C-alpha atoms as a PDB file:
ATOM      1  CA  UNK A   1      48.316 -35.824   3.303  1.00  0.00           C
ATOM      2  CA  UNK A   2      51.732 -37.273   2.943  1.00  0.00           C
ATOM      3  CA  UNK A   3      54.523 -35.738   5.004  1.00  0.00           C
ATOM      4  CA  UNK A   4      57.925 -35.479   3.193  1.00  0.00           C
ATOM      5  CA  UNK A   5      61.119 -34.309   4.756  1.00  0.00           C
ATOM      6  CA  UNK A   6      64.538 -33.899   3.249  1.00  0.00           C
ATOM      7  CA  UNK A   7      67.759 -35.394   4.518  1.00  0.00           C
ATOM      8  CA  UNK A   8      71.378 -35.798   3.427  1.00  0.00           C
ATOM      9  CA  UNK A   9      71.965 -38.421   0.805  1.00  0.00           C
ATOM     10  CA  UNK A  10      75.146 -39.151   2.785  1.00  0.00           C
ATOM     11  CA  UNK A  11      75.424 -37.481   6.228  1.00  0.00           C
ATOM     12  CA  UNK A  12      78.692 -35.861   7.222  1.00  0.00           C
ATOM     13  CA  UNK A  13      78.429 -37.609  10.602  1.00  0.00           C
ATOM     14  CA  UNK A  14      78.058 -41.011   9.047  1.00  0.00           C
ATOM     15  CA  UNK A  15      74.578 -41.521  10.649  1.00  0.00           C
ATOM     16  CA  UNK A  16      75.414 -40.697  14.271  1.00  0.00           C
ATOM     17  CA  UNK A  17      72.173 -38.772  14.593  1.00  0.00           C
ATOM     18  CA  UNK A  18      73.685 -35.242  14.572  1.00  0.00           C
ATOM     19  CA  UNK A  19      72.261 -34.079  11.223  1.00  0.00           C
ATOM     20  CA  UNK A  20      69.273 -31.854  11.887  1.00  0.00           C
ATOM     21  CA  UNK A  21      66.776 -34.075  10.051  1.00  0.00           C
ATOM     22  CA  UNK A  22      67.137 -36.356  13.101  1.00  0.00           C
ATOM     23  CA  UNK A  23      65.301 -33.812  15.225  1.00  0.00           C
ATOM     24  CA  UNK A  24      62.360 -33.810  12.862  1.00  0.00           C
ATOM     25  CA  UNK A  25      62.348 -37.557  12.511  1.00  0.00           C
ATOM     26  CA  UNK A  26      62.338 -37.803  16.328  1.00  0.00           C
ATOM     27  CA  UNK A  27      59.376 -35.385  16.673  1.00  0.00           C
ATOM     28  CA  UNK A  28      57.455 -37.290  13.990  1.00  0.00           C
ATOM     29  CA  UNK A  29      58.002 -40.521  15.785  1.00  0.00           C
ATOM     30  CA  UNK A  30      56.956 -39.048  19.104  1.00  0.00           C
ATOM     31  CA  UNK A  31      53.626 -37.811  17.719  1.00  0.00           C
ATOM     32  CA  UNK A  32      53.084 -40.995  15.699  1.00  0.00           C
ATOM     33  CA  UNK A  33      53.030 -39.434  12.209  1.00  0.00           C
ATOM     34  CA  UNK A  34      54.312 -41.490   9.173  1.00  0.00           C
ATOM     35  CA  UNK A  35      56.639 -39.695   6.820  1.00  0.00           C
ATOM     36  CA  UNK A  36      58.635 -40.059   3.680  1.00  0.00           C
ATOM     37  CA  UNK A  37      62.218 -38.900   3.095  1.00  0.00           C
ATOM     38  CA  UNK A  38      63.627 -37.318   0.031  1.00  0.00           C
ATOM     39  CA  UNK A  39      67.398 -37.708   0.038  1.00  0.00           C
ATOM     40  CA  UNK A  40      69.437 -34.882  -1.427  1.00  0.00           C
ATOM     41  CA  UNK A  41      73.104 -34.519  -2.311  1.00  0.00           C
ATOM     42  CA  UNK A  42      75.271 -31.575  -1.315  1.00  0.00           C
ATOM     43  CA  UNK A  43      75.295 -30.354  -4.901  1.00  0.00           C
ATOM     44  CA  UNK A  44      71.541 -30.482  -5.219  1.00  0.00           C
ATOM     45  CA  UNK A  45      71.080 -28.697  -1.964  1.00  0.00           C
ATOM     46  CA  UNK A  46      72.264 -25.563  -3.732  1.00  0.00           C
ATOM     47  CA  UNK A  47      70.226 -26.110  -6.830  1.00  0.00           C
ATOM     48  CA  UNK A  48      67.138 -24.128  -7.821  1.00  0.00           C
ATOM     49  CA  UNK A  49      64.630 -26.795  -6.908  1.00  0.00           C
ATOM     50  CA  UNK A  50      65.790 -27.118  -3.349  1.00  0.00           C
ATOM     51  CA  UNK A  51      66.428 -23.396  -2.930  1.00  0.00           C
ATOM     52  CA  UNK A  52      62.769 -22.866  -3.804  1.00  0.00           C
ATOM     53  CA  UNK A  53      61.796 -24.670  -0.583  1.00  0.00           C
ATOM     54  CA  UNK A  54      64.816 -23.754   1.540  1.00  0.00           C
ATOM     55  CA  UNK A  55      66.234 -20.335   0.704  1.00  0.00           C
ATOM     56  CA  UNK A  56      69.556 -21.152   2.416  1.00  0.00           C
ATOM     57  CA  UNK A  57      70.041 -24.489   0.715  1.00  0.00           C
ATOM     58  CA  UNK A  58      70.130 -26.691   3.794  1.00  0.00           C
ATOM     59  CA  UNK A  59      68.255 -29.602   5.361  1.00  0.00           C
ATOM     60  CA  UNK A  60      65.726 -30.518   6.590  1.00  0.00           C
ATOM     61  CA  UNK A  61      62.613 -29.228   4.905  1.00  0.00           C
ATOM     62  CA  UNK A  62      59.046 -30.268   5.635  1.00  0.00           C
ATOM     63  CA  UNK A  63      56.265 -30.641   3.068  1.00  0.00           C
ATOM     64  CA  UNK A  64      52.656 -31.523   3.771  1.00  0.00           C
ATOM     65  CA  UNK A  65      50.228 -30.621   1.065  1.00  0.00           C
ATOM     66  CA  UNK A  66      50.668 -26.944   0.310  1.00  0.00           C
ATOM     67  CA  UNK A  67      52.587 -26.306   3.517  1.00  0.00           C
ATOM     68  CA  UNK A  68      56.377 -26.006   3.148  1.00  0.00           C
ATOM     69  CA  UNK A  69      58.586 -25.290   6.171  1.00  0.00           C
ATOM     70  CA  UNK A  70      62.336 -25.097   6.857  1.00  0.00           C
ATOM     71  CA  UNK A  71      64.334 -24.612  10.044  1.00  0.00           C
ATOM     72  CA  UNK A  72      64.153 -27.474  12.609  1.00  0.00           C
ATOM     73  CA  UNK A  73      62.748 -25.234  15.356  1.00  0.00           C
ATOM     74  CA  UNK A  74      59.820 -24.147  13.213  1.00  0.00           C
ATOM     75  CA  UNK A  75      59.144 -27.687  11.967  1.00  0.00           C
ATOM     76  CA  UNK A  76      59.279 -29.311  15.374  1.00  0.00           C
ATOM     77  CA  UNK A  77      57.084 -26.571  16.904  1.00  0.00           C
ATOM     78  CA  UNK A  78      54.539 -27.046  14.156  1.00  0.00           C
ATOM     79  CA  UNK A  79      54.374 -30.780  14.755  1.00  0.00           C
ATOM     80  CA  UNK A  80      54.046 -30.230  18.484  1.00  0.00           C
ATOM     81  CA  UNK A  81      51.193 -27.814  18.043  1.00  0.00           C
ATOM     82  CA  UNK A  82      49.320 -30.010  15.498  1.00  0.00           C
ATOM     83  CA  UNK A  83      49.630 -33.319  17.402  1.00  0.00           C
ATOM     84  CA  UNK A  84      49.359 -34.365  20.989  1.00  0.00           C
ATOM     85  CA  UNK A  85      52.399 -35.617  22.885  1.00  0.00           C
ATOM     86  CA  UNK A  86      55.067 -32.869  22.853  1.00  0.00           C
ATOM     87  CA  UNK A  87      53.392 -29.815  24.406  1.00  0.00           C
ATOM     88  CA  UNK A  88      51.563 -29.649  27.792  1.00  0.00           C
ATOM     89  CA  UNK A  89      47.926 -28.722  27.822  1.00  0.00           C
ATOM     90  CA  UNK A  90      48.343 -26.163  30.541  1.00  0.00           C
ATOM     91  CA  UNK A  91      49.023 -22.790  28.819  1.00  0.00           C
ATOM     92  CA  UNK A  92      51.802 -21.714  31.247  1.00  0.00           C
ATOM     93  CA  UNK A  93      53.581 -25.057  30.987  1.00  0.00           C
ATOM     94  CA  UNK A  94      53.134 -25.013  27.247  1.00  0.00           C
ATOM     95  CA  UNK A  95      54.869 -21.658  26.972  1.00  0.00           C
ATOM     96  CA  UNK A  96      57.693 -22.843  29.226  1.00  0.00           C
ATOM     97  CA  UNK A  97      58.225 -25.840  26.981  1.00  0.00           C
ATOM     98  CA  UNK A  98      58.443 -23.481  23.924  1.00  0.00           C
ATOM     99  CA  UNK A  99      60.807 -21.243  25.861  1.00  0.00           C
ATOM    100  CA  UNK A 100      63.169 -24.241  26.424  1.00  0.00           C
ATOM    101  CA  UNK A 101      63.043 -24.849  22.646  1.00  0.00           C
ATOM    102  CA  UNK A 102      64.439 -21.347  22.164  1.00  0.00           C
ATOM    103  CA  UNK A 103      66.968 -21.819  24.884  1.00  0.00           C
ATOM    104  CA  UNK A 104      68.283 -24.994  23.244  1.00  0.00           C
ATOM    105  CA  UNK A 105      68.624 -23.401  19.804  1.00  0.00           C
ATOM    106  CA  UNK A 106      69.629 -19.860  20.774  1.00  0.00           C
ATOM    107  CA  UNK A 107      71.472 -20.149  24.085  1.00  0.00           C
ATOM    108  CA  UNK A 108      73.100 -23.618  24.193  1.00  0.00           C
ATOM    109  CA  UNK A 109      73.619 -24.672  20.559  1.00  0.00           C
ATOM    110  CA  UNK A 110      75.641 -21.588  19.279  1.00  0.00           C
ATOM    111  CA  UNK A 111      78.428 -22.156  21.802  1.00  0.00           C
ATOM    112  CA  UNK A 112      78.580 -25.866  20.964  1.00  0.00           C
ATOM    113  CA  UNK A 113      78.714 -25.101  17.158  1.00  0.00           C
ATOM    114  CA  UNK A 114      81.509 -22.690  17.849  1.00  0.00           C
ATOM    115  CA  UNK A 115      83.584 -25.647  19.128  1.00  0.00           C
ATOM    116  CA  UNK A 116      82.873 -27.575  15.922  1.00  0.00           C
ATOM    117  CA  UNK A 117      83.989 -24.554  13.921  1.00  0.00           C
ATOM    118  CA  UNK A 118      87.123 -24.200  15.893  1.00  0.00           C
ATOM    119  CA  UNK A 119      88.119 -27.782  15.613  1.00  0.00           C
ATOM    120  CA  UNK A 120      87.105 -28.639  12.084  1.00  0.00           C
ATOM    121  CA  UNK A 121      86.861 -25.501  10.004  1.00  0.00           C
ATOM    122  CA  UNK A 122      89.596 -23.562  11.699  1.00  0.00           C
ATOM    123  CA  UNK A 123      91.740 -26.406  13.065  1.00  0.00           C
ATOM    124  CA  UNK A 124      94.632 -25.479  10.919  1.00  0.00           C
ATOM    125  CA  UNK A 125      94.831 -21.903  12.070  1.00  0.00           C
ATOM    126  CA  UNK A 126      97.841 -20.837  14.190  1.00  0.00           C
ATOM    127  CA  UNK A 127      95.558 -19.410  16.893  1.00  0.00           C
ATOM    128  CA  UNK A 128      93.328 -22.475  17.238  1.00  0.00           C
ATOM    129  CA  UNK A 129      95.233 -23.987  20.165  1.00  0.00           C
ATOM    130  CA  UNK A 130      94.776 -20.816  22.190  1.00  0.00           C
ATOM    131  CA  UNK A 131      91.137 -20.350  21.171  1.00  0.00           C
ATOM    132  CA  UNK A 132      89.901 -23.858  22.033  1.00  0.00           C
ATOM    133  CA  UNK A 133      90.101 -23.473  25.820  1.00  0.00           C
ATOM    134  CA  UNK A 134      88.156 -20.226  25.624  1.00  0.00           C
ATOM    135  CA  UNK A 135      85.468 -21.865  23.547  1.00  0.00           C
ATOM    136  CA  UNK A 136      85.205 -24.764  25.952  1.00  0.00           C
ATOM    137  CA  UNK A 137      84.939 -22.427  28.866  1.00  0.00           C
ATOM    138  CA  UNK A 138      82.011 -20.632  27.201  1.00  0.00           C
ATOM    139  CA  UNK A 139      80.295 -23.950  26.776  1.00  0.00           C
ATOM    140  CA  UNK A 140      80.902 -24.863  30.378  1.00  0.00           C
ATOM    141  CA  UNK A 141      79.496 -21.510  31.489  1.00  0.00           C
ATOM    142  CA  UNK A 142      76.176 -22.414  29.719  1.00  0.00           C
ATOM    143  CA  UNK A 143      76.170 -26.008  30.951  1.00  0.00           C
ATOM    144  CA  UNK A 144      76.778 -24.941  34.541  1.00  0.00           C
ATOM    145  CA  UNK A 145      73.474 -23.118  34.526  1.00  0.00           C
ATOM    146  CA  UNK A 146      71.601 -25.786  32.602  1.00  0.00           C
ATOM    147  CA  UNK A 147      72.895 -28.478  34.959  1.00  0.00           C
ATOM    148  CA  UNK A 148      71.884 -26.375  38.030  1.00  0.00           C
ATOM    149  CA  UNK A 149      68.353 -26.008  36.620  1.00  0.00           C
ATOM    150  CA  UNK A 150      67.889 -29.697  35.762  1.00  0.00           C
ATOM    151  CA  UNK A 151      69.257 -30.875  39.136  1.00  0.00           C
ATOM    152  CA  UNK A 152      67.923 -34.370  39.851  1.00  0.00           C
ATOM    153  CA  UNK A 153      64.862 -34.032  37.618  1.00  0.00           C
ATOM    154  CA  UNK A 154      64.298 -36.319  34.604  1.00  0.00           C
ATOM    155  CA  UNK A 155      63.229 -33.458  32.271  1.00  0.00           C
ATOM    156  CA  UNK A 156      63.546 -29.694  32.123  1.00  0.00           C
ATOM    157  CA  UNK A 157      60.008 -28.801  33.267  1.00  0.00           C
ATOM    158  CA  UNK A 158      57.879 -31.736  34.478  1.00  0.00           C
ATOM    159  CA  UNK A 159      57.033 -34.248  31.759  1.00  0.00           C
ATOM    160  CA  UNK A 160      59.062 -34.711  28.529  1.00  0.00           C
ATOM    161  CA  UNK A 161      58.331 -32.031  26.000  1.00  0.00           C
ATOM    162  CA  UNK A 162      59.462 -30.486  22.727  1.00  0.00           C
ATOM    163  CA  UNK A 163      61.950 -28.469  24.826  1.00  0.00           C
ATOM    164  CA  UNK A 164      63.650 -31.610  25.930  1.00  0.00           C
ATOM    165  CA  UNK A 165      63.665 -33.088  22.417  1.00  0.00           C
ATOM    166  CA  UNK A 166      65.618 -30.133  21.084  1.00  0.00           C
ATOM    167  CA  UNK A 167      67.860 -29.786  24.167  1.00  0.00           C
ATOM    168  CA  UNK A 168      68.887 -33.438  24.069  1.00  0.00           C
ATOM    169  CA  UNK A 169      69.502 -33.101  20.297  1.00  0.00           C
ATOM    170  CA  UNK A 170      71.777 -30.135  20.874  1.00  0.00           C
ATOM    171  CA  UNK A 171      73.740 -31.708  23.763  1.00  0.00           C
ATOM    172  CA  UNK A 172      74.419 -34.784  21.711  1.00  0.00           C
ATOM    173  CA  UNK A 173      76.854 -32.693  19.708  1.00  0.00           C
ATOM    174  CA  UNK A 174      79.089 -32.514  22.768  1.00  0.00           C
ATOM    175  CA  UNK A 175      79.496 -36.237  23.241  1.00  0.00           C
ATOM    176  CA  UNK A 176      82.748 -36.639  21.268  1.00  0.00           C
ATOM    177  CA  UNK A 177      84.333 -33.623  23.078  1.00  0.00           C
ATOM    178  CA  UNK A 178      84.047 -35.214  26.560  1.00  0.00           C
ATOM    179  CA  UNK A 179      82.647 -32.068  28.040  1.00  0.00           C
ATOM    180  CA  UNK A 180      79.204 -33.657  28.493  1.00  0.00           C
ATOM    181  CA  UNK A 181      80.723 -36.277  30.744  1.00  0.00           C
ATOM    182  CA  UNK A 182      81.718 -33.560  33.159  1.00  0.00           C
ATOM    183  CA  UNK A 183      78.113 -33.096  34.043  1.00  0.00           C
ATOM    184  CA  UNK A 184      76.646 -36.355  35.363  1.00  0.00           C
ATOM    185  CA  UNK A 185      73.082 -35.181  35.411  1.00  0.00           C
ATOM    186  CA  UNK A 186      73.222 -33.850  31.920  1.00  0.00           C
ATOM    187  CA  UNK A 187      74.830 -36.994  30.592  1.00  0.00           C
ATOM    188  CA  UNK A 188      72.064 -39.040  32.213  1.00  0.00           C
ATOM    189  CA  UNK A 189      69.486 -36.616  30.798  1.00  0.00           C
ATOM    190  CA  UNK A 190      70.775 -37.212  27.250  1.00  0.00           C
ATOM    191  CA  UNK A 191      70.827 -40.918  27.809  1.00  0.00           C
ATOM    192  CA  UNK A 192      67.101 -40.788  28.894  1.00  0.00           C
ATOM    193  CA  UNK A 193      66.289 -39.007  25.632  1.00  0.00           C
ATOM    194  CA  UNK A 194      68.179 -41.617  23.560  1.00  0.00           C
ATOM    195  CA  UNK A 195      66.330 -44.409  25.412  1.00  0.00           C
ATOM    196  CA  UNK A 196      62.895 -43.172  24.256  1.00  0.00           C
ATOM    197  CA  UNK A 197      61.385 -45.560  21.765  1.00  0.00           C
ATOM    198  CA  UNK A 198      60.606 -42.712  19.324  1.00  0.00           C
ATOM    199  CA  UNK A 199      64.279 -41.664  19.407  1.00  0.00           C
ATOM    200  CA  UNK A 200      65.407 -45.197  18.798  1.00  0.00           C
ATOM    201  CA  UNK A 201      63.145 -45.535  15.776  1.00  0.00           C
ATOM    202  CA  UNK A 202      64.236 -42.217  14.352  1.00  0.00           C
ATOM    203  CA  UNK A 203      67.966 -42.964  14.889  1.00  0.00           C
ATOM    204  CA  UNK A 204      67.581 -46.420  13.229  1.00  0.00           C
ATOM    205  CA  UNK A 205      65.927 -44.830  10.182  1.00  0.00           C
ATOM    206  CA  UNK A 206      68.630 -42.246   9.756  1.00  0.00           C
ATOM    207  CA  UNK A 207      71.427 -44.657  10.408  1.00  0.00           C
ATOM    208  CA  UNK A 208      70.086 -47.150   7.856  1.00  0.00           C
ATOM    209  CA  UNK A 209      70.639 -44.633   5.033  1.00  0.00           C
ATOM    210  CA  UNK A 210      74.316 -44.146   5.880  1.00  0.00           C
ATOM    211  CA  UNK A 211      74.907 -47.796   6.649  1.00  0.00           C
ATOM    212  CA  UNK A 212      73.559 -48.621   3.172  1.00  0.00           C
ATOM    213  CA  UNK A 213      75.946 -46.114   1.650  1.00  0.00           C
ATOM    214  CA  UNK A 214      78.906 -47.829   3.387  1.00  0.00           C
ATOM    215  CA  UNK A 215      77.975 -51.267   2.077  1.00  0.00           C
ATOM    216  CA  UNK A 216      77.860 -49.835  -1.454  1.00  0.00           C
ATOM    217  CA  UNK A 217      81.322 -48.243  -1.312  1.00  0.00           C
END
């Protein structure tokens, strides 16, 4: 059955790999599954057709036959469970990899998104200048613990897993802030993720859509 995912018709990040369909693309490339992409505009994301498959009007979605999924964590976990390559065979290691998925999405990402909100959505507020250092300190508090756990290891728990895929995707959002560079081992960790052939293919596919848009402007 054909796999179809949705992605921005024109990504807000200009194809830098931060849109969440990138995580699903990367997972699909890691497990060797071909897929098609249905591009959607911001207006159509809130239309009835898209809301029927994503109740919150966002991307990405995943369709395979009668199966329809939304939320990147759910989609990536499904792919990892259906295909070899992203989850260890050992049951304990498998659950640890899934735990790191939740840590990436529930513990690390919310603090990083708070920085995006403070800078972009609330950047014109009179209290932003005072708030930003507090937000950055909360991020560092999380990264301190993550960096200590990773240490000199290549990946979070043995071999590369779905936990690393999501953690690297989340940490990439920090690159422009400069905070990631404060943690040498985490910066190297992210670079290892970006160097994976599956990531390179996924990034190229996402970037091509936005590059095409720029040539048409």
